[in-house]
Protein backbone atom coordinates (compact mmCIF):
# COMPACT_ATOMS: atom_id res chain seq x y z
CA MET A 1 56.28 167.63 96.67
CA LYS A 2 55.29 165.85 100.06
CA SER A 3 57.74 162.68 99.09
CA LEU A 4 60.55 164.51 97.96
CA ALA A 5 60.74 166.49 101.28
CA PHE A 6 60.58 163.90 103.05
CA LEU A 7 63.61 162.31 100.54
CA LEU A 8 65.65 165.69 101.25
CA LEU A 9 65.40 164.95 104.97
CA CYS A 10 66.48 161.51 104.96
CA ILE A 11 69.45 163.04 102.81
CA ILE A 12 70.08 165.88 105.22
CA PHE A 13 70.05 163.20 108.25
CA SER A 14 72.51 160.60 106.33
CA ASN A 15 75.76 161.38 108.32
CA SER A 16 74.16 160.13 111.75
CA THR A 17 73.36 156.94 110.33
CA THR A 18 74.43 153.62 111.71
CA ALA A 19 73.95 149.79 110.56
CA GLN A 20 70.79 149.48 113.80
CA PHE A 21 69.90 150.32 116.84
CA ASN A 22 72.87 150.50 119.23
CA ASP A 23 72.95 152.24 123.14
CA SER A 24 72.69 155.40 121.41
CA THR A 25 70.58 154.98 118.85
CA PHE A 26 67.23 155.23 119.53
CA TYR A 27 64.86 156.52 116.44
CA TYR A 28 64.45 154.81 112.82
CA PHE A 29 63.01 156.46 109.73
CA SER A 30 62.44 155.51 106.44
CA LEU A 31 61.10 155.90 103.45
CA ASN A 32 59.85 153.51 100.57
CA ALA A 33 59.22 155.22 97.26
CA ASN A 34 58.41 152.96 94.00
CA GLY A 35 56.70 153.12 90.89
CA SER A 36 56.45 152.54 87.45
CA VAL A 37 54.34 154.26 84.43
CA THR A 38 53.75 152.45 81.11
CA LYS A 39 52.26 154.38 78.22
CA THR A 40 50.96 152.66 74.52
CA THR A 41 48.28 153.17 71.81
CA ASP A 42 45.39 151.77 74.14
CA GLY A 43 46.36 153.97 77.22
CA THR A 44 48.75 154.50 80.20
CA THR A 45 49.12 152.38 83.33
CA TYR A 46 50.89 153.29 86.00
CA LEU A 47 51.48 151.96 89.90
CA LEU A 48 52.32 153.95 92.80
CA ASN A 49 53.69 152.25 96.07
CA ASN A 50 54.91 154.58 99.21
CA GLY A 51 55.88 153.50 102.58
CA LEU A 52 57.08 155.67 105.57
CA LYS A 53 58.08 153.91 109.20
CA PHE A 54 59.11 155.51 112.35
CA SER A 55 60.37 153.50 115.29
CA VAL A 56 61.35 154.52 118.64
CA LYS A 57 63.73 152.46 120.83
CA LYS A 58 63.47 153.34 125.07
CA LYS A 59 64.80 150.31 127.54
CA SER A 60 62.57 147.45 126.77
CA VAL A 61 60.08 149.18 124.67
CA VAL A 62 59.97 149.54 121.09
CA LEU A 63 57.11 151.70 119.27
CA ASN A 64 56.92 151.45 115.50
CA SER A 65 54.63 153.38 113.14
CA ASN A 66 54.15 152.13 109.42
CA ASN A 67 51.99 153.87 106.30
CA THR A 68 51.45 152.62 102.92
CA TRP A 69 49.66 153.99 100.39
CA VAL A 70 49.52 151.88 96.89
CA TYR A 71 47.53 153.85 94.21
CA GLY A 72 47.36 152.36 90.73
CA ALA A 73 45.33 153.12 87.08
CA GLN A 74 44.95 151.19 83.71
CA GLN A 75 43.51 152.95 80.85
CA ASP A 76 42.36 154.92 82.75
CA ARG A 77 40.32 152.58 84.87
CA LEU A 78 41.18 152.68 88.56
CA VAL A 79 42.73 149.20 90.09
CA ASN A 80 44.56 150.25 92.89
CA ASN A 81 43.81 152.73 95.93
CA ASP A 82 45.20 151.03 99.17
CA TYR A 83 45.84 152.72 102.11
CA THR A 84 47.18 150.98 105.57
CA SER A 85 48.74 152.82 108.80
CA THR A 86 49.48 150.71 111.76
CA LEU A 87 50.70 151.91 115.11
CA ASP A 88 52.29 148.92 117.20
CA PHE A 89 54.87 148.44 120.32
CA ASN A 90 56.70 145.71 121.93
CA ILE A 91 57.60 145.06 125.39
CA TYR A 92 60.54 143.16 126.25
CA LYS A 93 60.76 142.69 129.99
CA THR A 94 60.40 138.76 130.96
CA LEU A 95 62.07 135.75 129.62
CA PRO A 96 65.10 136.11 126.98
CA HIS A 97 63.49 136.44 123.39
CA PHE A 98 60.20 136.79 124.62
CA TYR A 99 57.72 139.40 124.31
CA TYR A 100 54.11 140.96 124.49
CA TRP A 101 53.14 142.82 121.59
CA GLY A 102 49.88 145.28 120.78
CA LEU A 103 48.61 146.81 117.41
CA GLY A 104 46.12 149.31 116.03
CA SER A 105 45.44 149.68 112.30
CA TYR A 106 43.11 151.36 109.92
CA THR A 107 43.00 150.09 106.49
CA SER A 108 40.83 151.37 103.29
CA SER A 109 41.52 149.49 99.90
CA TYR A 110 39.76 149.56 96.81
CA SER A 111 41.34 146.41 95.37
CA LEU A 112 40.29 144.20 98.39
CA LYS A 113 36.88 145.89 98.30
CA ILE A 114 37.52 147.41 102.18
CA ILE A 115 36.07 150.44 102.76
CA ASN A 116 37.17 151.06 106.12
CA GLN A 117 38.52 148.36 108.76
CA VAL A 118 40.00 148.91 111.96
CA GLN A 119 41.78 146.19 114.27
CA ALA A 120 43.12 146.18 117.52
CA GLY A 121 44.69 144.03 119.95
CA THR A 122 47.27 141.92 121.97
CA GLY A 123 49.71 138.66 122.18
CA ILE A 124 52.97 137.18 122.62
CA ALA A 125 55.75 136.63 120.15
CA TYR A 126 59.03 134.42 120.36
CA ASN A 127 62.21 134.89 118.88
CA ILE A 128 62.81 131.09 117.61
CA ILE A 129 66.51 132.20 115.99
CA ASP A 130 67.96 135.50 117.56
CA LYS A 131 71.06 136.24 115.60
CA PRO A 132 72.94 139.67 114.61
CA GLY A 133 72.36 138.15 111.18
CA PHE A 134 69.10 136.23 111.17
CA LEU A 135 65.82 136.22 112.69
CA LEU A 136 63.34 133.84 113.00
CA ASN A 137 60.34 135.42 114.72
CA ILE A 138 56.62 133.48 115.74
CA SER A 139 53.67 135.41 116.93
CA ASP A 140 50.21 134.68 118.23
CA GLY A 141 47.58 137.27 119.30
CA ILE A 142 43.69 138.40 119.40
CA LEU A 143 42.56 141.11 117.61
CA TYR A 144 38.98 142.63 117.64
CA GLU A 145 38.03 143.69 114.15
CA ARG A 146 35.19 146.39 113.09
CA SER A 147 34.60 146.06 109.34
CA ASP A 148 32.64 147.92 106.53
CA LEU A 149 32.66 145.92 103.23
CA ASN A 150 31.85 146.18 99.90
CA LEU A 151 30.51 143.35 98.77
CA GLY A 152 28.77 144.64 95.18
CA ASP A 153 27.08 147.91 93.80
CA THR A 154 24.71 148.63 96.44
CA ALA A 155 25.77 145.61 99.07
CA ARG A 156 27.08 146.56 102.13
CA ASP A 157 28.78 144.87 105.00
CA VAL A 158 29.35 146.07 108.62
CA TYR A 159 30.21 144.01 110.84
CA ASN A 160 32.64 143.25 114.25
CA THR A 161 34.52 140.06 114.98
CA PHE A 162 37.33 138.94 116.48
CA ARG A 163 40.57 137.57 114.89
CA ASN A 164 43.54 134.86 115.95
CA SER A 165 46.39 136.42 114.59
CA LEU A 166 49.22 133.97 113.50
CA ARG A 167 52.39 136.37 112.64
CA LEU A 168 55.63 134.27 110.95
CA ARG A 169 58.41 137.16 110.80
CA ILE A 170 62.20 136.31 108.98
CA HIS A 171 64.73 139.00 108.85
CA LEU A 172 68.41 137.97 106.66
CA LYS A 173 71.60 140.37 106.77
CA ILE A 174 74.34 139.41 104.56
CA ASN A 175 77.88 141.51 104.76
CA THR A 176 75.30 144.33 105.45
CA ILE A 177 74.77 144.97 101.98
CA ILE A 178 72.16 142.65 101.31
CA GLY A 179 68.84 142.34 103.46
CA PHE A 180 65.45 139.96 103.11
CA ASN A 181 62.31 140.76 105.37
CA THR A 182 59.69 138.88 104.99
CA ASN A 183 56.68 139.16 107.32
CA ASN A 184 53.20 136.48 106.55
CA PHE A 185 50.14 136.73 108.94
CA LEU A 186 46.96 134.71 109.02
CA GLN A 187 43.83 135.95 110.61
CA ASN A 188 41.07 133.37 111.04
CA SER A 189 37.49 134.88 112.18
CA LEU A 190 36.95 133.18 115.63
CA ASN A 191 33.37 134.20 115.01
CA TYR A 192 32.80 132.65 111.31
CA GLY A 193 34.36 129.64 109.96
CA ASP A 194 34.70 131.07 106.28
CA ASP A 195 36.31 134.08 107.39
CA HIS A 196 39.79 134.71 106.92
CA ILE A 197 42.72 137.31 105.65
CA ILE A 198 45.85 136.61 104.38
CA ARG A 199 48.86 139.34 104.16
CA SER A 200 51.96 138.39 103.26
CA SER A 201 54.74 141.39 102.33
CA SER A 202 58.41 140.67 101.69
CA SER A 203 61.24 142.75 100.33
CA LEU A 204 64.97 142.52 98.94
CA SER A 205 67.70 145.59 99.37
CA PHE A 206 70.95 146.34 98.64
CA LYS A 207 72.36 148.98 100.04
CA ILE A 208 74.37 151.40 97.95
CA LYS A 209 75.08 153.86 101.04
CA LYS A 210 74.22 153.34 104.67
CA TRP A 211 71.50 155.49 103.94
CA LEU A 212 70.46 154.65 100.74
CA SER A 213 69.13 151.08 99.01
CA LEU A 214 67.86 149.38 96.14
CA ASN A 215 64.70 148.00 96.93
CA ALA A 216 62.22 145.49 95.76
CA GLY A 217 58.85 144.15 97.07
CA LEU A 218 56.49 141.54 96.68
CA ASP A 219 53.23 141.92 98.66
CA TYR A 220 50.39 139.60 98.77
CA ASN A 221 46.28 139.73 100.17
CA LYS A 222 43.44 137.85 100.23
CA VAL A 223 40.29 138.76 102.11
CA SER A 224 37.50 135.60 101.93
CA ARG A 225 34.72 137.81 103.22
CA THR A 226 34.97 139.91 100.04
CA GLN A 227 36.18 137.12 97.44
CA LYS A 228 39.16 139.37 96.74
CA GLU A 229 42.95 139.60 96.79
CA ASN A 230 45.82 141.46 95.14
CA LEU A 231 49.12 140.78 93.94
CA LEU A 232 51.87 143.53 93.96
CA PHE A 233 55.57 143.55 92.52
CA THR A 234 57.14 146.44 93.28
CA TYR A 235 61.05 148.36 92.90
CA GLY A 236 62.69 151.56 93.43
CA LEU A 237 64.45 152.91 96.29
CA LEU A 238 65.15 152.69 100.22
CA VAL A 239 65.59 155.96 102.01
CA GLU A 240 66.42 155.50 106.18
CA ASN A 241 68.21 156.54 108.87
CA TYR A 242 69.07 155.16 112.56
CA PHE A 243 69.46 158.46 114.83
């Protein structure tokens, strides 16, 4: 019911939608609802993947809030209950195409055996290519992490570490109809040589209306410390609004 309420809210505001941030556009809201259900004689398999994003742009500062929840079961066995919440900001006050960033995030993932994980840090980023229809961005920084991991039936691993966080981001837009985005992270621990996290999230969207798109996503995550990884392909609707 809450997801339906957000969907209706986006539709109500659709008359004010534009293609991107401009001089009078300071806020962005999007709701991504994907899922599938398969029922056979052996049981029911279902997967829900929901994302909620809100952004604020004020002069030389951009603030983003991003929340995702993946829930799935197969033959009455839980396989996914993964939640991530991230708050980040960019500060553009120096050289062209260059900015500072900072973030704080919380992750809980059944499939990756993460009971709780908190990360916070800051770094720098540079737009190697910065055109209206194509963006190629690279960033690097240092994160502090505190994790509580599940390594077995009774084994828990609670520890702190600093990580180097390297990210490659690509944004492509064709004729304002087709959009492609990919964010790829490599986070190596500075304290433990065999400890690394890989995160990759890509999406392809086809705009139906200014506020509505068909959306397909591919996400991959790997946590070396728990020796777990997951690959998730979803498709559904993306509702977004600039105002």
